[in-house]
């Protein structure tokens, strides 16, 4: 497993063109709306017979296809 920690001696910290931020750097009113809405959009895709846009585990798709074949709207 890869760690997210960047040691104080990491070469990136010596570059003037690099800005490091915490994971909370994404936060905005727009992102909150988007992240609340995204699960419902993904459910709608599956109900329409499409693959989720944000498929986290692509091995699931490959196992599904090898077992059940291609679906009509599978992308």
N, C-alpha and C. Protein backbone atom coordinates (compact mmCIF):
# COMPACT_ATOMS: atom_id res chain seq x y z
N UNK A 1 0.85 -1.19 0.00
CA UNK A 1 0.00 0.00 0.00
C UNK A 1 0.89 1.24 0.00
N UNK A 2 0.51 2.21 -0.80
CA UNK A 2 1.28 3.43 -0.91
C UNK A 2 0.83 4.42 0.16
N UNK A 3 1.79 5.05 0.79
CA UNK A 3 1.46 6.04 1.82
C UNK A 3 1.28 7.42 1.17
N UNK A 4 0.48 8.24 1.81
CA UNK A 4 0.24 9.59 1.30
C UNK A 4 1.18 10.59 1.95
N UNK A 5 1.93 10.16 2.93
CA UNK A 5 2.82 11.07 3.64
C UNK A 5 3.97 11.50 2.75
N UNK A 6 4.25 12.79 2.74
CA UNK A 6 5.40 13.32 2.02
C UNK A 6 6.39 13.80 3.07
N UNK A 7 7.55 13.15 3.12
CA UNK A 7 8.57 13.52 4.10
C UNK A 7 9.10 14.93 3.86
N UNK A 8 9.64 15.52 4.89
CA UNK A 8 10.15 16.89 4.79
C UNK A 8 11.33 17.00 3.82
N UNK A 9 11.95 15.88 3.49
CA UNK A 9 13.08 15.91 2.56
C UNK A 9 12.66 15.55 1.13
N UNK A 10 11.37 15.45 0.87
CA UNK A 10 10.89 15.07 -0.46
C UNK A 10 11.25 16.15 -1.48
N UNK A 11 11.71 15.75 -2.68
CA UNK A 11 12.11 16.73 -3.71
C UNK A 11 11.00 17.68 -4.13
N UNK A 12 9.75 17.26 -4.07
CA UNK A 12 8.65 18.16 -4.45
C UNK A 12 8.60 19.41 -3.57
N UNK A 13 8.97 19.26 -2.32
CA UNK A 13 8.91 20.40 -1.41
C UNK A 13 9.95 21.47 -1.72
N UNK A 14 10.90 21.15 -2.55
CA UNK A 14 11.96 22.11 -2.91
C UNK A 14 11.60 22.91 -4.16
N UNK A 15 10.51 22.56 -4.82
CA UNK A 15 10.11 23.24 -6.05
C UNK A 15 9.20 24.42 -5.75
N UNK A 16 9.49 25.56 -6.33
CA UNK A 16 8.67 26.75 -6.12
C UNK A 16 7.32 26.65 -6.84
N UNK A 17 7.23 25.80 -7.85
CA UNK A 17 6.01 25.69 -8.64
C UNK A 17 5.02 24.67 -8.09
N UNK A 18 5.28 24.11 -6.90
CA UNK A 18 4.43 23.08 -6.32
C UNK A 18 3.73 23.62 -5.08
N UNK A 19 2.44 23.41 -5.04
CA UNK A 19 1.64 23.77 -3.86
C UNK A 19 0.98 22.50 -3.36
N UNK A 20 1.21 22.15 -2.12
CA UNK A 20 0.60 20.97 -1.52
C UNK A 20 -0.52 21.41 -0.58
N UNK A 21 -1.64 20.72 -0.65
CA UNK A 21 -2.77 21.05 0.20
C UNK A 21 -3.34 19.78 0.83
N UNK A 22 -4.14 19.95 1.83
CA UNK A 22 -4.82 18.83 2.47
C UNK A 22 -5.94 18.35 1.56
N UNK A 23 -6.51 17.18 1.86
CA UNK A 23 -7.60 16.65 1.05
C UNK A 23 -8.83 17.58 1.07
N UNK A 24 -8.92 18.43 2.03
CA UNK A 24 -10.06 19.34 2.11
C UNK A 24 -9.97 20.48 1.11
N UNK A 25 -8.93 20.51 0.30
CA UNK A 25 -8.76 21.60 -0.67
C UNK A 25 -9.86 21.63 -1.72
N UNK A 26 -10.60 20.53 -1.90
CA UNK A 26 -11.67 20.49 -2.90
C UNK A 26 -12.91 21.24 -2.44
N UNK A 27 -13.00 21.56 -1.17
CA UNK A 27 -14.23 22.05 -0.58
C UNK A 27 -14.71 23.36 -1.20
N UNK A 28 -15.96 23.37 -1.60
CA UNK A 28 -16.65 24.57 -2.05
C UNK A 28 -18.14 24.26 -2.04
N UNK A 29 -18.96 25.27 -2.16
CA UNK A 29 -20.41 25.05 -2.21
C UNK A 29 -20.78 24.21 -3.43
N UNK A 30 -20.11 24.48 -4.56
CA UNK A 30 -20.38 23.74 -5.79
C UNK A 30 -20.01 22.26 -5.63
N UNK A 31 -18.87 22.00 -4.98
CA UNK A 31 -18.46 20.60 -4.84
C UNK A 31 -19.39 19.85 -3.89
N UNK A 32 -19.90 20.50 -2.86
CA UNK A 32 -20.84 19.83 -1.97
C UNK A 32 -22.09 19.41 -2.72
N UNK A 33 -22.62 20.29 -3.55
CA UNK A 33 -23.79 19.96 -4.36
C UNK A 33 -23.49 18.79 -5.28
N UNK A 34 -22.33 18.84 -5.94
CA UNK A 34 -21.95 17.80 -6.89
C UNK A 34 -21.80 16.44 -6.18
N UNK A 35 -21.15 16.41 -5.03
CA UNK A 35 -20.92 15.15 -4.35
C UNK A 35 -22.18 14.59 -3.70
N UNK A 36 -23.12 15.43 -3.40
CA UNK A 36 -24.42 14.94 -2.90
C UNK A 36 -25.26 14.37 -4.04
N UNK A 37 -25.13 14.94 -5.22
CA UNK A 37 -25.95 14.53 -6.36
C UNK A 37 -25.38 13.31 -7.10
N UNK A 38 -24.07 13.14 -7.08
CA UNK A 38 -23.40 12.10 -7.86
C UNK A 38 -23.94 10.69 -7.61
N UNK A 39 -24.18 10.25 -6.37
CA UNK A 39 -24.69 8.88 -6.18
C UNK A 39 -26.02 8.64 -6.91
N UNK A 40 -26.88 9.63 -6.92
CA UNK A 40 -28.18 9.48 -7.59
C UNK A 40 -28.01 9.42 -9.11
N UNK A 41 -27.07 10.18 -9.63
CA UNK A 41 -26.79 10.11 -11.07
C UNK A 41 -26.24 8.74 -11.45
N UNK A 42 -25.39 8.18 -10.60
CA UNK A 42 -24.82 6.87 -10.87
C UNK A 42 -25.89 5.78 -10.81
N UNK A 43 -26.81 5.88 -9.86
CA UNK A 43 -27.91 4.92 -9.76
C UNK A 43 -28.78 5.01 -11.01
N UNK A 44 -29.04 6.22 -11.49
CA UNK A 44 -29.85 6.40 -12.69
C UNK A 44 -29.16 5.76 -13.90
N UNK A 45 -27.85 5.88 -14.00
CA UNK A 45 -27.13 5.24 -15.10
C UNK A 45 -27.32 3.73 -15.07
N UNK A 46 -27.18 3.13 -13.90
CA UNK A 46 -27.33 1.68 -13.77
C UNK A 46 -28.76 1.25 -14.12
N UNK A 47 -29.75 2.01 -13.67
CA UNK A 47 -31.15 1.69 -13.98
C UNK A 47 -31.40 1.76 -15.48
N UNK A 48 -30.72 2.69 -16.18
CA UNK A 48 -30.84 2.80 -17.63
C UNK A 48 -30.04 1.73 -18.37
N UNK A 49 -29.32 0.89 -17.63
CA UNK A 49 -28.53 -0.16 -18.26
C UNK A 49 -27.13 0.29 -18.66
N UNK A 50 -26.67 1.41 -18.11
CA UNK A 50 -25.34 1.92 -18.41
C UNK A 50 -24.38 1.56 -17.26
N UNK A 51 -23.09 1.65 -17.55
CA UNK A 51 -22.10 1.46 -16.49
C UNK A 51 -21.95 2.77 -15.72
N UNK A 52 -21.69 2.70 -14.43
CA UNK A 52 -21.45 3.93 -13.67
C UNK A 52 -20.24 4.68 -14.22
N UNK A 53 -20.35 5.98 -14.28
CA UNK A 53 -19.25 6.80 -14.77
C UNK A 53 -18.06 6.70 -13.81
N UNK A 54 -18.33 6.60 -12.54
CA UNK A 54 -17.28 6.59 -11.52
C UNK A 54 -17.09 5.19 -10.98
N UNK A 55 -16.95 4.22 -11.86
CA UNK A 55 -16.74 2.83 -11.48
C UNK A 55 -15.39 2.72 -10.77
N UNK A 56 -15.41 2.37 -9.50
CA UNK A 56 -14.19 2.34 -8.70
C UNK A 56 -13.38 1.07 -8.92
N UNK A 57 -14.07 -0.06 -9.09
CA UNK A 57 -13.42 -1.35 -9.19
C UNK A 57 -13.65 -1.92 -10.59
N UNK A 58 -12.77 -1.62 -11.55
CA UNK A 58 -13.00 -2.08 -12.93
C UNK A 58 -13.00 -3.59 -13.07
N UNK A 59 -12.41 -4.31 -12.11
CA UNK A 59 -12.42 -5.77 -12.17
C UNK A 59 -13.85 -6.31 -12.09
N UNK A 60 -14.72 -5.59 -11.42
CA UNK A 60 -16.12 -6.00 -11.33
C UNK A 60 -16.74 -6.02 -12.72
N UNK A 61 -16.45 -4.99 -13.51
CA UNK A 61 -17.00 -4.92 -14.86
C UNK A 61 -16.49 -6.08 -15.70
N UNK A 62 -15.20 -6.37 -15.61
CA UNK A 62 -14.63 -7.47 -16.38
C UNK A 62 -15.23 -8.81 -15.96
N UNK A 63 -15.42 -9.03 -14.67
CA UNK A 63 -16.03 -10.28 -14.20
C UNK A 63 -17.47 -10.38 -14.67
N UNK A 64 -18.20 -9.27 -14.62
CA UNK A 64 -19.57 -9.26 -15.08
C UNK A 64 -19.64 -9.64 -16.56
N UNK A 65 -18.79 -8.99 -17.37
CA UNK A 65 -18.80 -9.24 -18.81
C UNK A 65 -18.40 -10.67 -19.14
N UNK A 66 -17.43 -11.22 -18.40
CA UNK A 66 -17.02 -12.59 -18.68
C UNK A 66 -18.10 -13.59 -18.28
N UNK A 67 -18.89 -13.25 -17.30
CA UNK A 67 -19.95 -14.16 -16.86
C UNK A 67 -21.24 -13.99 -17.65
N UNK A 68 -21.63 -12.74 -17.89
CA UNK A 68 -22.95 -12.47 -18.47
C UNK A 68 -22.89 -11.93 -19.89
N UNK A 69 -21.73 -11.58 -20.38
CA UNK A 69 -21.62 -11.01 -21.72
C UNK A 69 -21.95 -9.54 -21.74
N UNK A 70 -21.91 -8.97 -22.90
CA UNK A 70 -22.19 -7.53 -23.06
C UNK A 70 -23.67 -7.24 -22.92
N UNK A 71 -23.94 -6.19 -22.20
CA UNK A 71 -25.33 -5.71 -22.12
C UNK A 71 -25.57 -4.78 -23.29
N UNK A 72 -26.80 -4.56 -23.60
CA UNK A 72 -27.17 -3.75 -24.77
C UNK A 72 -26.56 -2.35 -24.70
N UNK A 73 -26.63 -1.68 -23.55
CA UNK A 73 -26.16 -0.29 -23.43
C UNK A 73 -24.82 -0.18 -22.70
N UNK A 74 -24.11 -1.28 -22.51
CA UNK A 74 -22.86 -1.23 -21.76
C UNK A 74 -21.82 -0.43 -22.52
N UNK A 75 -21.21 0.51 -21.82
CA UNK A 75 -20.16 1.32 -22.44
C UNK A 75 -18.87 1.15 -21.69
